[in-house]
Structure formats: C-alpha cells, structure tokens
Amino acid sequence: MDNSRVPQKWRPTLAMIVFAVLLTVLVLPAAIVLWFRYLEHTPEMRPIEVGALAVALVITVMIAVVFLRTITGPINALVKRTEEIGRGGRAAIAPPEQLGTREIATLSQGFLDLAERLVDRTEYVSSFAAHVSHELKSPLTSIRGSAELLRDAEMSKGEQARFLNHIIADSDRLAALLERLRELARADLDAVPGSTTIAEALAGEANVTLSGSTDAAMQLSLEAAKAVFGQLLRNAVEHGATAVTIDAVRDQGALRVIVADNGEGISVGNRDRVFEPFFTTRREAGGTGMGLQIVRSMLMAHGGTIRLVPSDSGATFELTVPIAG
C-alpha cells in the first residue's frame, strides 16, 4: 500500500458543509416560530414573524454569497490550478482567478512558489543528467579505444606506455568527476544548521583582505562556509590571482558579500556559462567545471545566492547569505 496516497472514499465538499450549516441556521428560527404557533393554536403567523423570517432568509443568502466568493470559490480555484500544473508544468504556474481571504492568498502563493521550485528542480535534474552523461562518455570512450588498441595492435613499449598513460589519465578524470559529483550531492541536499562568520571561515588564509561586516554571523555552518569561500579562493588562485578582497555589507536581513580577485578574469564570452555544470577552461589541467556549481548549490541549500559581477579586471562574485537570527 502506498502511504503517500490519500484514501479514496466519499467525502462531502466544503460547499456542501457550508450550505448545510446555513440551511440549518435558516430552518431553526422558522421551526421555532412554527412551534410557538402550534403551542398557541394559531397556525397563521403574524406579519412581524413573517418579516423576521424574510430578513433571516436574506441574511442567510448574503452569508452564502460571501462564503462562496471568499472561501469555497477560491479553494476550488486553487484545486483546479494544482491539477493544471500537474498536467501542464511551468506553463500552468499562475495565480488562481479567485484568491479570497488573506490566508487563502498566502496559501496560493506558497503553493505556486513550491510548484516553481519543483519545476526548476525537474529541469535542473534533466539538464544535469545530460551533462553528466556527456562528461562521463568522453573518458570512457577514450579508455575503451586505448584498451582495444593495446589488445589488438602490435606496438612498441613506448606506444604501449603512451596508451596506458592515456588510460590512467582518463581514469583519474573519472575519479575526480565522481568525487565532485558526491560533493555536489552533499551541497545540494545537506543544509546542516549552524552559524559562523566570514572571518572564522577564512582564518589563516593568506593573501585575503577582509573589510566590512565580515564578523557578522551568517546562517551557514563553519564547514559549509569553508567549502564556499575555499572554492572561490581556489578558483582565483588557479586563474592567476595573487590577492583576494572580501567585503561584506548588511542588507535587509542578509549579508551581501563581494569577493574580488586580481587574476586573469573571465572573458565576456564565458560570463554567461560560468555556472553551467562541467564548464571549464582548464580541462587539460584537470578542471572539472563543478566548483561554482557546488558553491551555488551550497548557498541555495542555506537560502543564499551567488552571481557573477562584471568587472574590468579579475573576477568578482556577489554572494547573499541570510544573517543568523
């Protein structure tokens, strides 16, 4: 039995319950009036009693209309919207036509946010799976080709050593990719609670200049902060940087951090691709193109963001991290 499925059985709708209650409220005064007429042996109702029942009927109808427009209608619209999103994906993500009360509007917005995140995650997983398949296929094809040549072709010791070196190099690349994939999985799924400061995370790092609110506590564990800023420092060094400046400013409950280096920078043509999985300009040097993806996933898991800021020299990144409450 699938415990995630709601048991299927007949249940009254919200509209049925609301109108049953209103009908009871309407019938009750009428029954009381008839009861007193029966006790007094006067079947005919007085004009004031008829007027009171008419007023009760009007008020009941007005209450029914209010409930229909503010509760049952908006909830039915939200249910319809969920079914449309289930069938149509991102194209169907839009506010329901009726929102009703503040609570229902908040519920609708929360549902739309959740649906958008799920669609984003689905698209991300699909794209990421295609990238992984492509990245793993290249070294595997090279290893297979080298192995077949070693098996079938007659070659000198030098040629054999060259193909064996190719196999070892491609095996090392596969091992590096798998390790980075494990790191990405941990960054994507684990949001270990904790707090630390930039100063604590970068204690002992050379050639790093800190300024601003780098002693403000962030909603980022020490291990996660070291992984995020450590990866940015490694990227800077690998691209020729000899100095890195980090400036932090408090901004509406978050810490806005600017990380800038004096390295070779990022070319205009590559700026839109730096966060693509497996994109790297250092493939021959063993780069996997996973570093910034890990940083972004780690920050997203903790409610933060990262973006590349255009600069005339070096590379500059802007991070936002929630401030610890």
Protein backbone atom coordinates (compact mmCIF):
# COMPACT_ATOMS: atom_id res chain seq x y z
CA MET A 1 0.00 0.00 0.00
CA ASP A 2 1.28 3.46 -0.96
CA ASN A 3 1.21 5.51 2.25
CA SER A 4 1.60 8.73 0.25
CA ARG A 5 -1.83 8.34 -1.34
CA VAL A 6 -4.93 9.80 0.31
CA PRO A 7 -7.51 7.01 0.87
CA GLN A 8 -10.19 7.26 -1.79
CA LYS A 9 -13.69 7.39 -0.29
CA TRP A 10 -16.68 9.67 -0.41
CA ARG A 11 -16.22 12.95 1.42
CA PRO A 12 -18.53 15.97 1.49
CA THR A 13 -17.34 19.06 -0.30
CA LEU A 14 -16.67 22.28 1.56
CA ALA A 15 -19.60 23.89 -0.25
CA MET A 16 -21.95 21.13 0.93
CA ILE A 17 -20.89 21.65 4.57
CA VAL A 18 -21.18 25.43 4.37
CA PHE A 19 -24.62 25.39 2.78
CA ALA A 20 -25.85 22.67 5.15
CA VAL A 21 -24.86 24.85 8.11
CA LEU A 22 -26.52 27.91 6.57
CA LEU A 23 -29.67 25.92 5.82
CA THR A 24 -29.76 24.77 9.44
CA VAL A 25 -29.37 28.34 10.62
CA LEU A 26 -32.28 29.36 8.35
CA VAL A 27 -34.57 26.47 9.28
CA LEU A 28 -34.02 26.82 13.03
CA PRO A 29 -35.87 30.17 13.50
CA ALA A 30 -38.65 29.01 11.18
CA ALA A 31 -39.09 25.86 13.26
CA ILE A 32 -39.16 27.91 16.46
CA VAL A 33 -41.86 30.20 15.07
CA LEU A 34 -43.97 27.25 13.92
CA TRP A 35 -43.54 25.59 17.29
CA PHE A 36 -44.88 28.62 19.12
CA ARG A 37 -47.75 28.90 16.63
CA TYR A 38 -48.59 25.27 17.40
CA LEU A 39 -48.50 25.85 21.15
CA GLU A 40 -50.78 28.89 20.85
CA HIS A 41 -53.10 27.00 18.45
CA THR A 42 -52.83 29.82 15.92
CA PRO A 43 -51.50 28.41 12.65
CA GLU A 44 -51.28 31.78 10.95
CA MET A 45 -48.01 33.66 11.51
CA ARG A 46 -48.02 37.30 12.44
CA PRO A 47 -46.63 39.85 9.97
CA ILE A 48 -43.66 40.57 12.25
CA GLU A 49 -42.78 36.88 12.29
CA VAL A 50 -43.01 36.64 8.52
CA GLY A 51 -40.81 39.72 8.26
CA ALA A 52 -38.25 38.24 10.65
CA LEU A 53 -38.08 35.03 8.63
CA ALA A 54 -37.68 37.05 5.41
CA VAL A 55 -34.83 39.01 6.96
CA ALA A 56 -33.23 35.73 8.11
CA LEU A 57 -33.52 34.36 4.57
CA VAL A 58 -31.90 37.45 3.06
CA ILE A 59 -29.06 37.41 5.61
CA THR A 60 -28.50 33.69 5.02
CA VAL A 61 -28.28 34.23 1.25
CA MET A 62 -25.84 37.10 1.75
CA ILE A 63 -23.66 34.95 4.03
CA ALA A 64 -23.77 32.15 1.43
CA VAL A 65 -22.58 34.55 -1.28
CA VAL A 66 -19.75 35.82 0.94
CA PHE A 67 -18.63 32.24 1.74
CA LEU A 68 -18.82 31.33 -1.95
CA ARG A 69 -16.66 34.27 -3.06
CA THR A 70 -14.12 34.23 -0.23
CA ILE A 71 -13.72 30.57 0.76
CA THR A 72 -15.28 27.81 -1.34
CA GLY A 73 -14.71 29.53 -4.71
CA PRO A 74 -11.02 30.36 -4.11
CA ILE A 75 -10.30 26.89 -2.69
CA ASN A 76 -11.92 25.24 -5.72
CA ALA A 77 -9.88 27.57 -7.97
CA LEU A 78 -6.69 26.55 -6.15
CA VAL A 79 -7.56 22.85 -6.52
CA LYS A 80 -8.16 23.39 -10.24
CA ARG A 81 -4.84 25.23 -10.54
CA THR A 82 -2.96 22.35 -8.87
CA GLU A 83 -4.46 19.90 -11.37
CA GLU A 84 -3.50 22.16 -14.29
CA ILE A 85 0.09 22.48 -13.01
CA GLY A 86 0.27 18.70 -12.66
CA ARG A 87 -0.66 18.36 -16.32
CA GLY A 88 0.99 21.43 -17.85
CA GLY A 89 4.12 22.10 -15.77
CA ARG A 90 5.66 25.58 -15.84
CA ALA A 91 3.19 26.95 -18.40
CA ALA A 92 0.33 26.47 -15.91
CA ILE A 93 2.05 28.23 -12.97
CA ALA A 94 -0.10 31.32 -12.45
CA PRO A 95 -2.22 32.71 -9.61
CA PRO A 96 -5.79 31.31 -9.38
CA GLU A 97 -8.54 33.55 -10.68
CA GLN A 98 -10.00 33.88 -7.16
CA LEU A 99 -7.88 34.40 -4.05
CA GLY A 100 -10.49 35.12 -1.37
CA THR A 101 -9.17 35.66 2.14
CA ARG A 102 -5.63 36.63 3.11
CA GLU A 103 -4.91 33.11 4.34
CA ILE A 104 -6.01 31.54 1.05
CA ALA A 105 -3.97 34.09 -0.91
CA THR A 106 -0.92 33.23 1.23
CA LEU A 107 -1.57 29.51 0.73
CA SER A 108 -1.87 30.04 -3.05
CA GLN A 109 1.40 31.97 -3.20
CA GLY A 110 3.17 29.33 -1.12
CA PHE A 111 1.88 26.61 -3.42
CA LEU A 112 2.97 28.49 -6.55
CA ASP A 113 6.44 29.04 -5.07
CA LEU A 114 6.70 25.33 -4.25
CA ALA A 115 5.49 24.34 -7.72
CA GLU A 116 8.04 26.64 -9.37
CA ARG A 117 10.86 25.20 -7.26
CA LEU A 118 9.80 21.66 -8.16
CA VAL A 119 9.67 22.50 -11.86
CA ASP A 120 13.07 24.20 -11.62
CA ARG A 121 14.44 21.11 -9.85
CA THR A 122 13.00 18.79 -12.50
CA GLU A 123 14.52 20.84 -15.32
CA TYR A 124 17.83 21.07 -13.44
CA VAL A 125 17.99 17.29 -12.90
CA SER A 126 17.16 16.64 -16.56
CA SER A 127 19.82 19.07 -17.79
CA PHE A 128 22.35 17.88 -15.24
CA ALA A 129 21.82 14.22 -16.21
CA ALA A 130 22.53 15.10 -19.84
CA HIS A 131 25.73 16.93 -18.85
CA VAL A 132 26.87 14.04 -16.64
CA SER A 133 26.25 11.54 -19.42
CA HIS A 134 28.30 13.63 -21.85
CA GLU A 135 31.17 14.22 -19.42
CA LEU A 136 31.46 10.55 -18.45
CA LYS A 137 31.14 9.33 -22.02
CA SER A 138 34.28 11.07 -23.29
CA PRO A 139 36.85 9.48 -20.92
CA LEU A 140 35.06 6.12 -21.10
CA THR A 141 35.28 6.18 -24.89
CA SER A 142 38.97 7.08 -24.69
CA ILE A 143 39.69 4.30 -22.20
CA ARG A 144 37.84 1.74 -24.33
CA GLY A 145 39.64 2.84 -27.51
CA SER A 146 43.06 2.69 -25.84
CA ALA A 147 42.30 -0.73 -24.35
CA GLU A 148 41.18 -2.12 -27.73
CA LEU A 149 44.36 -0.84 -29.39
CA LEU A 150 46.51 -2.41 -26.68
CA ARG A 151 44.66 -5.70 -27.15
CA ASP A 152 44.54 -5.88 -30.94
CA ALA A 153 47.52 -3.89 -32.26
CA GLU A 154 51.18 -4.75 -32.20
CA MET A 155 53.09 -1.76 -30.83
CA SER A 156 56.36 -0.88 -29.20
CA LYS A 157 56.90 -0.49 -25.49
CA GLY A 158 56.86 3.29 -25.91
CA GLU A 159 53.48 3.22 -27.69
CA GLN A 160 52.08 0.88 -25.07
CA ALA A 161 53.23 3.21 -22.32
CA ARG A 162 51.60 6.17 -24.09
CA PHE A 163 48.22 4.45 -24.32
CA LEU A 164 48.48 3.24 -20.74
CA ASN A 165 49.16 6.81 -19.66
CA HIS A 166 46.00 7.87 -21.52
CA ILE A 167 44.00 5.22 -19.67
CA ILE A 168 45.41 6.32 -16.30
CA ALA A 169 44.75 10.00 -17.05
CA ASP A 170 41.16 9.32 -18.12
CA SER A 171 40.63 7.10 -15.07
CA ASP A 172 41.88 9.92 -12.85
CA ARG A 173 39.47 12.30 -14.56
CA LEU A 174 36.57 9.91 -13.96
CA ALA A 175 37.56 9.61 -10.30
CA ALA A 176 37.73 13.41 -9.99
CA LEU A 177 34.32 13.81 -11.64
CA LEU A 178 32.72 11.23 -9.35
CA GLU A 179 34.22 12.91 -6.28
CA ARG A 180 32.92 16.30 -7.39
CA LEU A 181 29.51 14.75 -8.04
CA ARG A 182 29.46 13.43 -4.47
CA GLU A 183 30.40 16.89 -3.20
CA LEU A 184 27.62 18.42 -5.28
CA ALA A 185 25.10 15.90 -3.93
CA ARG A 186 26.08 16.77 -0.36
CA ALA A 187 25.88 20.50 -1.15
CA ASP A 188 22.52 20.07 -2.86
CA LEU A 189 20.85 18.03 -0.12
CA ASP A 190 22.54 18.81 3.18
CA ALA A 191 21.71 22.08 4.88
CA VAL A 192 23.28 21.44 8.26
CA PRO A 193 22.08 24.13 10.68
CA GLY A 194 24.71 26.36 12.19
CA SER A 195 26.24 29.78 12.01
CA THR A 196 29.68 31.27 11.53
CA THR A 197 31.39 34.38 10.24
CA ILE A 198 33.49 35.03 7.17
CA ALA A 199 36.44 35.88 9.42
CA GLU A 200 36.19 32.49 11.14
CA ALA A 201 35.83 30.60 7.88
CA LEU A 202 38.92 32.28 6.36
CA ALA A 203 41.11 32.31 9.46
CA GLY A 204 44.71 31.62 8.46
CA GLU A 205 44.18 32.23 4.74
CA ALA A 206 46.98 34.23 3.16
CA ASN A 207 46.59 36.99 0.57
CA VAL A 208 42.98 37.66 1.61
CA THR A 209 41.86 41.14 2.69
CA LEU A 210 38.62 41.39 4.70
CA SER A 211 36.51 44.52 5.17
CA GLY A 212 33.03 45.48 6.28
CA SER A 213 30.80 43.19 8.34
CA THR A 214 32.89 40.04 7.96
CA ASP A 215 32.37 39.36 11.68
CA ALA A 216 28.57 39.16 11.29
CA ALA A 217 27.10 35.71 11.96
CA MET A 218 25.67 34.02 8.86
CA GLN A 219 23.16 31.16 8.65
CA LEU A 220 25.91 28.97 7.29
CA SER A 221 27.77 26.29 9.20
CA LEU A 222 31.54 26.61 9.53
CA GLU A 223 32.08 23.59 7.27
CA ALA A 224 29.76 24.98 4.59
CA ALA A 225 31.33 28.46 4.79
CA LYS A 226 34.82 26.97 4.39
CA ALA A 227 33.62 24.99 1.37
CA VAL A 228 32.03 28.06 -0.26
CA PHE A 229 34.81 30.59 0.28
CA GLY A 230 37.56 27.98 -0.06
CA GLN A 231 36.31 27.05 -3.52
CA LEU A 232 36.21 30.69 -4.60
CA LEU A 233 39.78 31.19 -3.36
CA ARG A 234 40.96 28.06 -5.21
CA ASN A 235 39.32 29.28 -8.41
CA ALA A 236 41.07 32.64 -8.02
CA VAL A 237 44.49 31.05 -7.49
CA GLU A 238 44.00 28.66 -10.41
CA HIS A 239 43.34 31.66 -12.65
CA GLY A 240 46.44 33.56 -11.64
CA ALA A 241 45.21 35.66 -8.72
CA THR A 242 47.70 36.74 -6.07
CA ALA A 243 45.26 38.71 -3.90
CA VAL A 244 41.58 38.42 -2.98
CA THR A 245 39.44 41.09 -1.29
CA ILE A 246 36.20 40.23 0.53
CA ASP A 247 33.80 42.97 1.59
CA ALA A 248 30.55 42.28 3.47
CA VAL A 249 27.58 44.61 3.99
CA ARG A 250 24.35 44.01 5.92
CA ASP A 251 21.35 44.29 3.60
CA GLN A 252 17.79 43.64 4.87
CA GLY A 253 18.39 40.52 6.93
CA ALA A 254 21.10 39.18 4.65
CA LEU A 255 24.82 39.64 4.27
CA ARG A 256 25.85 40.84 0.82
CA VAL A 257 29.42 39.72 0.18
CA ILE A 258 31.65 40.86 -2.68
CA VAL A 259 34.55 38.51 -3.48
CA ALA A 260 37.03 40.06 -5.95
CA ASP A 261 40.45 38.85 -7.15
CA ASN A 262 43.21 40.24 -9.34
CA GLY A 263 43.51 37.20 -11.58
CA GLU A 264 43.10 36.86 -15.31
CA GLY A 265 39.34 37.30 -15.04
CA ILE A 266 36.54 35.78 -17.10
CA SER A 267 36.14 36.60 -20.77
CA VAL A 268 32.93 38.24 -21.96
CA GLY A 269 32.03 35.16 -23.97
CA ASN A 270 32.27 32.90 -20.93
CA ARG A 271 30.45 35.05 -18.38
CA ASP A 272 27.06 33.52 -19.13
CA ARG A 273 28.45 29.98 -18.80
CA VAL A 274 30.44 30.04 -15.57
CA PHE A 275 27.63 28.37 -13.58
CA GLU A 276 26.96 25.68 -16.18
CA PRO A 277 27.77 22.20 -14.86
CA PHE A 278 31.13 20.93 -16.20
CA PHE A 279 32.00 24.15 -17.99
CA THR A 280 35.72 24.82 -17.52
CA THR A 281 38.58 26.50 -19.35
CA ARG A 282 41.11 24.28 -17.51
CA ARG A 283 40.10 20.83 -18.76
CA GLU A 284 43.66 19.95 -19.78
CA ALA A 285 44.85 20.89 -16.28
CA GLY A 286 42.32 18.61 -14.62
CA GLY A 287 39.47 21.09 -14.11
CA THR A 288 36.02 19.52 -13.77
CA GLY A 289 33.86 22.65 -14.05
CA MET A 290 31.96 21.70 -10.89
CA GLY A 291 33.37 24.19 -8.37
CA LEU A 292 30.97 27.09 -8.90
CA GLN A 293 28.05 24.69 -9.23
CA ILE A 294 28.90 23.27 -5.80
CA VAL A 295 29.17 26.80 -4.36
CA ARG A 296 25.79 27.80 -5.78
CA SER A 297 24.09 24.60 -4.58
CA MET A 298 25.60 25.00 -1.10
CA LEU A 299 24.35 28.59 -0.87
CA MET A 300 20.90 27.73 -2.22
CA ALA A 301 20.55 24.95 0.36
CA HIS A 302 21.06 27.62 3.05
CA GLY A 303 18.84 30.27 1.42
CA GLY A 304 21.66 32.20 -0.27
CA THR A 305 22.61 33.17 -3.82
CA ILE A 306 25.68 33.88 -5.94
CA ARG A 307 26.13 35.79 -9.18
CA LEU A 308 28.99 36.99 -11.33
CA VAL A 309 29.53 40.75 -11.31
CA PRO A 310 31.08 42.22 -14.49
CA SER A 311 34.48 43.78 -13.77
CA ASP A 312 37.32 45.31 -15.76
CA SER A 313 39.98 43.09 -14.18
CA GLY A 314 39.95 39.82 -12.28
CA ALA A 315 36.76 38.01 -11.31
CA THR A 316 34.13 39.43 -8.97
CA PHE A 317 31.28 37.49 -7.38
CA GLU A 318 28.40 38.77 -5.25
CA LEU A 319 27.03 36.41 -2.61
CA THR A 320 23.97 36.86 -0.39
CA VAL A 321 23.75 34.81 2.79
CA PRO A 322 20.99 35.09 5.43
CA ILE A 323 22.15 36.62 8.69
CA ALA A 324 21.81 34.34 11.70
CA GLY A 325 18.95 35.43 13.93
